[in-house]
C-alpha atoms as a PDB file:
ATOM      1  CA  MET A   1      38.714 -32.948   8.333  1.00  0.00           C
ATOM      2  CA  ARG A   2      40.813 -35.988   9.235  1.00  0.00           C
ATOM      3  CA  ARG A   3      40.077 -37.979  12.375  1.00  0.00           C
ATOM      4  CA  ILE A   4      42.818 -38.953  14.826  1.00  0.00           C
ATOM      5  CA  VAL A   5      42.643 -41.617  17.503  1.00  0.00           C
ATOM      6  CA  VAL A   6      45.419 -41.449  20.082  1.00  0.00           C
ATOM      7  CA  PHE A   7      46.678 -44.443  22.070  1.00  0.00           C
ATOM      8  CA  ALA A   8      48.217 -43.654  25.465  1.00  0.00           C
ATOM      9  CA  SER A   9      49.373 -45.631  28.505  1.00  0.00           C
ATOM     10  CA  GLY A  10      50.562 -42.990  30.964  1.00  0.00           C
ATOM     11  CA  SER A  11      50.431 -39.348  31.918  1.00  0.00           C
ATOM     12  CA  GLY A  12      49.133 -38.163  28.569  1.00  0.00           C
ATOM     13  CA  THR A  13      51.266 -35.066  28.035  1.00  0.00           C
ATOM     14  CA  ASN A  14      51.808 -35.901  24.362  1.00  0.00           C
ATOM     15  CA  ALA A  15      48.116 -36.760  23.960  1.00  0.00           C
ATOM     16  CA  GLU A  16      47.162 -33.405  25.492  1.00  0.00           C
ATOM     17  CA  ASN A  17      49.578 -31.532  23.227  1.00  0.00           C
ATOM     18  CA  ILE A  18      48.159 -33.275  20.153  1.00  0.00           C
ATOM     19  CA  ILE A  19      44.547 -32.585  21.178  1.00  0.00           C
ATOM     20  CA  LYS A  20      45.256 -28.893  21.797  1.00  0.00           C
ATOM     21  CA  PHE A  21      47.252 -28.515  18.588  1.00  0.00           C
ATOM     22  CA  PHE A  22      44.562 -29.999  16.358  1.00  0.00           C
ATOM     23  CA  ASN A  23      41.765 -28.142  18.166  1.00  0.00           C
ATOM     24  CA  SER A  24      43.277 -25.013  16.649  1.00  0.00           C
ATOM     25  CA  THR A  25      43.422 -26.333  13.057  1.00  0.00           C
ATOM     26  CA  LYS A  26      40.956 -27.351  10.378  1.00  0.00           C
ATOM     27  CA  ILE A  27      43.128 -30.254   9.229  1.00  0.00           C
ATOM     28  CA  ALA A  28      42.294 -32.886  11.824  1.00  0.00           C
ATOM     29  CA  LYS A  29      40.673 -33.484  15.182  1.00  0.00           C
ATOM     30  CA  VAL A  30      41.276 -36.042  17.922  1.00  0.00           C
ATOM     31  CA  THR A  31      38.040 -38.025  18.059  1.00  0.00           C
ATOM     32  CA  GLN A  32      39.047 -40.539  20.730  1.00  0.00           C
ATOM     33  CA  VAL A  33      41.817 -41.510  23.117  1.00  0.00           C
ATOM     34  CA  LEU A  34      42.264 -45.203  23.887  1.00  0.00           C
ATOM     35  CA  CYS A  35      44.125 -46.262  27.027  1.00  0.00           C
ATOM     36  CA  ASN A  36      45.214 -49.629  28.424  1.00  0.00           C
ATOM     37  CA  ASN A  37      46.022 -48.413  31.961  1.00  0.00           C
ATOM     38  CA  GLU A  38      43.161 -47.630  34.327  1.00  0.00           C
ATOM     39  CA  HIS A  39      45.467 -45.529  36.539  1.00  0.00           C
ATOM     40  CA  ALA A  40      46.815 -43.351  33.720  1.00  0.00           C
ATOM     41  CA  LYS A  41      46.601 -39.587  34.129  1.00  0.00           C
ATOM     42  CA  VAL A  42      45.547 -39.279  30.491  1.00  0.00           C
ATOM     43  CA  PHE A  43      41.944 -39.845  31.668  1.00  0.00           C
ATOM     44  CA  GLU A  44      42.052 -36.612  33.703  1.00  0.00           C
ATOM     45  CA  ARG A  45      43.565 -34.682  30.823  1.00  0.00           C
ATOM     46  CA  CYS A  46      40.942 -35.948  28.365  1.00  0.00           C
ATOM     47  CA  LYS A  47      38.112 -35.120  30.744  1.00  0.00           C
ATOM     48  CA  ARG A  48      39.426 -31.575  31.101  1.00  0.00           C
ATOM     49  CA  LEU A  49      39.772 -31.279  27.306  1.00  0.00           C
ATOM     50  CA  ASN A  50      36.345 -32.802  26.642  1.00  0.00           C
ATOM     51  CA  VAL A  51      37.708 -35.739  24.618  1.00  0.00           C
ATOM     52  CA  ASN A  52      36.418 -39.256  25.192  1.00  0.00           C
ATOM     53  CA  CYS A  53      39.016 -41.608  26.697  1.00  0.00           C
ATOM     54  CA  LEU A  54      38.188 -45.307  26.633  1.00  0.00           C
ATOM     55  CA  LEU A  55      39.848 -47.976  28.779  1.00  0.00           C
ATOM     56  CA  PHE A  56      40.453 -51.318  27.093  1.00  0.00           C
ATOM     57  CA  ASN A  57      42.102 -54.604  27.991  1.00  0.00           C
ATOM     58  CA  LYS A  58      44.502 -56.940  26.214  1.00  0.00           C
ATOM     59  CA  GLU A  59      41.770 -59.317  25.054  1.00  0.00           C
ATOM     60  CA  GLN A  60      39.801 -56.489  23.422  1.00  0.00           C
ATOM     61  CA  PHE A  61      43.016 -55.352  21.758  1.00  0.00           C
ATOM     62  CA  LEU A  62      44.484 -58.638  20.583  1.00  0.00           C
ATOM     63  CA  LYS A  63      41.771 -61.276  20.290  1.00  0.00           C
ATOM     64  CA  GLU A  64      38.513 -59.453  19.789  1.00  0.00           C
ATOM     65  CA  ASP A  65      37.884 -56.881  17.093  1.00  0.00           C
ATOM     66  CA  THR A  66      36.603 -54.323  19.619  1.00  0.00           C
ATOM     67  CA  ILE A  67      39.454 -51.855  19.174  1.00  0.00           C
ATOM     68  CA  LEU A  68      39.813 -52.489  15.454  1.00  0.00           C
ATOM     69  CA  ASN A  69      36.102 -51.717  14.982  1.00  0.00           C
ATOM     70  CA  ILE A  70      36.398 -48.476  16.980  1.00  0.00           C
ATOM     71  CA  LEU A  71      39.363 -47.457  14.833  1.00  0.00           C
ATOM     72  CA  LYS A  72      37.538 -48.242  11.592  1.00  0.00           C
ATOM     73  CA  GLU A  73      34.634 -46.055  12.746  1.00  0.00           C
ATOM     74  CA  GLN A  74      36.604 -43.156  14.217  1.00  0.00           C
ATOM     75  CA  ALA A  75      40.131 -42.967  12.787  1.00  0.00           C
ATOM     76  CA  ASP A  76      41.874 -41.855   9.652  1.00  0.00           C
ATOM     77  CA  TYR A  77      45.168 -41.739  11.573  1.00  0.00           C
ATOM     78  CA  ILE A  78      46.338 -43.474  14.723  1.00  0.00           C
ATOM     79  CA  ILE A  79      48.916 -41.809  16.942  1.00  0.00           C
ATOM     80  CA  LEU A  80      50.854 -43.646  19.633  1.00  0.00           C
ATOM     81  CA  ALA A  81      51.642 -41.197  22.417  1.00  0.00           C
ATOM     82  CA  GLY A  82      53.449 -43.119  25.106  1.00  0.00           C
ATOM     83  CA  PHE A  83      51.611 -46.336  24.304  1.00  0.00           C
ATOM     84  CA  LEU A  84      53.585 -49.405  25.345  1.00  0.00           C
ATOM     85  CA  TRP A  85      51.872 -52.393  23.715  1.00  0.00           C
ATOM     86  CA  LYS A  86      52.834 -53.782  20.350  1.00  0.00           C
ATOM     87  CA  ILE A  87      50.234 -53.000  17.689  1.00  0.00           C
ATOM     88  CA  PRO A  88      48.576 -56.139  16.277  1.00  0.00           C
ATOM     89  CA  THR A  89      49.165 -56.938  12.614  1.00  0.00           C
ATOM     90  CA  LYS A  90      45.431 -56.697  11.842  1.00  0.00           C
ATOM     91  CA  ILE A  91      45.429 -53.016  12.892  1.00  0.00           C
ATOM     92  CA  ILE A  92      48.646 -52.271  10.976  1.00  0.00           C
ATOM     93  CA  GLU A  93      47.182 -53.886   7.868  1.00  0.00           C
ATOM     94  CA  ALA A  94      43.933 -51.909   8.208  1.00  0.00           C
ATOM     95  CA  PHE A  95      45.849 -48.600   8.533  1.00  0.00           C
ATOM     96  CA  PRO A  96      48.968 -48.785   6.326  1.00  0.00           C
ATOM     97  CA  LYS A  97      51.219 -45.733   6.752  1.00  0.00           C
ATOM     98  CA  LYS A  98      48.540 -44.227   9.013  1.00  0.00           C
ATOM     99  CA  ILE A  99      49.940 -45.248  12.429  1.00  0.00           C
ATOM    100  CA  ILE A 100      52.575 -42.907  13.819  1.00  0.00           C
ATOM    101  CA  ASN A 101      54.719 -43.372  16.924  1.00  0.00           C
ATOM    102  CA  ILE A 102      57.245 -41.225  18.739  1.00  0.00           C
ATOM    103  CA  HIS A 103      60.344 -42.775  20.290  1.00  0.00           C
ATOM    104  CA  PRO A 104      62.575 -40.980  22.833  1.00  0.00           C
ATOM    105  CA  ALA A 105      65.856 -41.732  21.058  1.00  0.00           C
ATOM    106  CA  LEU A 106      67.467 -41.500  17.661  1.00  0.00           C
ATOM    107  CA  LEU A 107      66.510 -44.813  16.126  1.00  0.00           C
ATOM    108  CA  PRO A 108      67.879 -47.302  15.322  1.00  0.00           C
ATOM    109  CA  LYS A 109      69.755 -46.785  18.595  1.00  0.00           C
ATOM    110  CA  TYR A 110      67.903 -47.659  21.812  1.00  0.00           C
ATOM    111  CA  GLY A 111      64.829 -49.166  20.201  1.00  0.00           C
ATOM    112  CA  GLY A 112      63.003 -52.439  20.650  1.00  0.00           C
ATOM    113  CA  LYS A 113      61.049 -54.220  23.346  1.00  0.00           C
ATOM    114  CA  GLY A 114      61.477 -52.670  26.779  1.00  0.00           C
ATOM    115  CA  MET A 115      63.129 -49.535  25.427  1.00  0.00           C
ATOM    116  CA  TYR A 116      60.793 -46.765  26.518  1.00  0.00           C
ATOM    117  CA  GLY A 117      60.842 -43.813  28.903  1.00  0.00           C
ATOM    118  CA  MET A 118      63.559 -43.824  31.538  1.00  0.00           C
ATOM    119  CA  ASN A 119      64.936 -47.143  30.264  1.00  0.00           C
ATOM    120  CA  VAL A 120      66.030 -45.298  27.121  1.00  0.00           C
ATOM    121  CA  HIS A 121      67.395 -42.267  28.970  1.00  0.00           C
ATOM    122  CA  LYS A 122      69.411 -44.453  31.372  1.00  0.00           C
ATOM    123  CA  ALA A 123      70.912 -46.388  28.450  1.00  0.00           C
ATOM    124  CA  VAL A 124      71.795 -43.152  26.646  1.00  0.00           C
ATOM    125  CA  LYS A 125      73.537 -41.853  29.803  1.00  0.00           C
ATOM    126  CA  GLU A 126      75.345 -45.159  30.488  1.00  0.00           C
ATOM    127  CA  ASN A 127      76.769 -45.105  26.963  1.00  0.00           C
ATOM    128  CA  ASN A 128      77.978 -41.505  27.335  1.00  0.00           C
ATOM    129  CA  GLU A 129      76.180 -40.375  24.199  1.00  0.00           C
ATOM    130  CA  LYS A 130      76.975 -36.842  23.035  1.00  0.00           C
ATOM    131  CA  GLU A 131      73.466 -36.385  21.630  1.00  0.00           C
ATOM    132  CA  THR A 132      70.040 -37.945  21.714  1.00  0.00           C
ATOM    133  CA  GLY A 133      66.654 -36.949  20.425  1.00  0.00           C
ATOM    134  CA  ILE A 134      63.304 -38.115  19.181  1.00  0.00           C
ATOM    135  CA  THR A 135      62.293 -40.269  16.265  1.00  0.00           C
ATOM    136  CA  ILE A 136      58.833 -39.996  14.769  1.00  0.00           C
ATOM    137  CA  HIS A 137      58.130 -43.062  12.647  1.00  0.00           C
ATOM    138  CA  PHE A 138      55.446 -45.185  11.050  1.00  0.00           C
ATOM    139  CA  VAL A 139      54.530 -48.306  13.001  1.00  0.00           C
ATOM    140  CA  SER A 140      55.411 -51.718  11.594  1.00  0.00           C
ATOM    141  CA  GLU A 141      55.079 -55.257  12.947  1.00  0.00           C
ATOM    142  CA  ASN A 142      58.321 -54.886  14.945  1.00  0.00           C
ATOM    143  CA  TYR A 143      58.986 -52.416  17.757  1.00  0.00           C
ATOM    144  CA  ASP A 144      60.612 -49.208  16.514  1.00  0.00           C
ATOM    145  CA  GLU A 145      61.480 -50.534  13.035  1.00  0.00           C
ATOM    146  CA  GLY A 146      58.943 -48.636  10.902  1.00  0.00           C
ATOM    147  CA  ALA A 147      60.027 -46.048   8.350  1.00  0.00           C
ATOM    148  CA  ILE A 148      61.428 -42.910   9.957  1.00  0.00           C
ATOM    149  CA  ILE A 149      59.425 -39.765   9.252  1.00  0.00           C
ATOM    150  CA  TYR A 150      61.454 -37.226  11.242  1.00  0.00           C
ATOM    151  CA  GLN A 151      64.232 -36.977  13.824  1.00  0.00           C
ATOM    152  CA  ALA A 152      65.232 -34.069  16.053  1.00  0.00           C
ATOM    153  CA  LYS A 153      68.436 -33.986  18.094  1.00  0.00           C
ATOM    154  CA  THR A 154      69.587 -32.419  21.323  1.00  0.00           C
ATOM    155  CA  ALA A 155      73.127 -32.162  22.657  1.00  0.00           C
ATOM    156  CA  LEU A 156      74.138 -33.882  25.883  1.00  0.00           C
ATOM    157  CA  ASN A 157      76.979 -33.221  28.285  1.00  0.00           C
ATOM    158  CA  GLU A 158      78.622 -35.142  31.109  1.00  0.00           C
ATOM    159  CA  ASN A 159      76.433 -33.413  33.704  1.00  0.00           C
ATOM    160  CA  ASP A 160      73.203 -34.712  32.187  1.00  0.00           C
ATOM    161  CA  THR A 161      71.312 -37.317  34.183  1.00  0.00           C
ATOM    162  CA  PRO A 162      68.542 -39.599  32.916  1.00  0.00           C
ATOM    163  CA  GLU A 163      66.115 -37.043  34.386  1.00  0.00           C
ATOM    164  CA  THR A 164      67.627 -34.053  32.564  1.00  0.00           C
ATOM    165  CA  ILE A 165      67.764 -36.117  29.381  1.00  0.00           C
ATOM    166  CA  ALA A 166      64.040 -36.833  29.825  1.00  0.00           C
ATOM    167  CA  GLU A 167      63.373 -33.083  30.170  1.00  0.00           C
ATOM    168  CA  LYS A 168      65.253 -32.372  26.935  1.00  0.00           C
ATOM    169  CA  ILE A 169      63.290 -35.099  25.152  1.00  0.00           C
ATOM    170  CA  HIS A 170      59.950 -33.730  26.427  1.00  0.00           C
ATOM    171  CA  LEU A 171      60.823 -30.333  24.963  1.00  0.00           C
ATOM    172  CA  LEU A 172      61.504 -31.912  21.564  1.00  0.00           C
ATOM    173  CA  GLU A 173      58.289 -33.934  21.731  1.00  0.00           C
ATOM    174  CA  LYS A 174      56.237 -30.846  22.512  1.00  0.00           C
ATOM    175  CA  ARG A 175      57.916 -28.819  19.786  1.00  0.00           C
ATOM    176  CA  TYR A 176      57.770 -31.345  16.942  1.00  0.00           C
ATOM    177  CA  PHE A 177      55.307 -34.215  17.382  1.00  0.00           C
ATOM    178  CA  SER A 178      52.035 -32.465  16.497  1.00  0.00           C
ATOM    179  CA  ARG A 179      53.649 -30.475  13.668  1.00  0.00           C
ATOM    180  CA  ILE A 180      55.067 -33.612  12.059  1.00  0.00           C
ATOM    181  CA  ILE A 181      51.713 -35.402  12.359  1.00  0.00           C
ATOM    182  CA  GLU A 182      50.123 -32.407  10.621  1.00  0.00           C
ATOM    183  CA  ARG A 183      52.773 -32.533   7.896  1.00  0.00           C
ATOM    184  CA  VAL A 184      52.132 -36.253   7.272  1.00  0.00           C
ATOM    185  CA  ILE A 185      48.388 -35.623   6.993  1.00  0.00           C
ATOM    186  CA  LEU A 186      48.885 -32.703   4.629  1.00  0.00           C
ATOM    187  CA  ASP A 187      51.417 -34.570   2.457  1.00  0.00           C
ATOM    188  CA  VAL A 188      49.089 -37.534   2.034  1.00  0.00           C
ATOM    189  CA  ASN A 189      45.959 -35.490   1.363  1.00  0.00           C
ATOM    190  CA  GLU A 190      47.241 -32.863  -1.035  1.00  0.00           C
END
């Protein structure tokens, strides 16, 4: 059974979906959630789901090997579920093609530093896009530039607001993210 460590920074809905999905399979299990925001709701979700959620700071992440050592002990795959910090090169090098992120737009559009959450949805609305979606991709040294694994689209209309766009994106995330992670694990290990 493969081990997954999830990084989260916020409410943890994607983390919860991933935990629940893999609790019902024999392919992988979430062994740990790592969070950089002491006020994040992901802590409550993890407590309810009986999964350890560890708070860490920037120094532990960037300068010390604290997080890297945890990952080496507990992870075969790393999943970014609403995690906002750039992943250090030393972690990317230790887990090549094993770090997966989800982005709330169809990359390469609306990617890069600062393009997350409502920032993306507002930009999509301001540009009168006819569709948007999610991009599931491997993590590289640059924000949102890793190889694309999967994209799913949703149509937009002139009545959509950034909030309704966010709702459409959440539906795609819930429907596809865990399944695509499973597919990556199965493809690599068959």
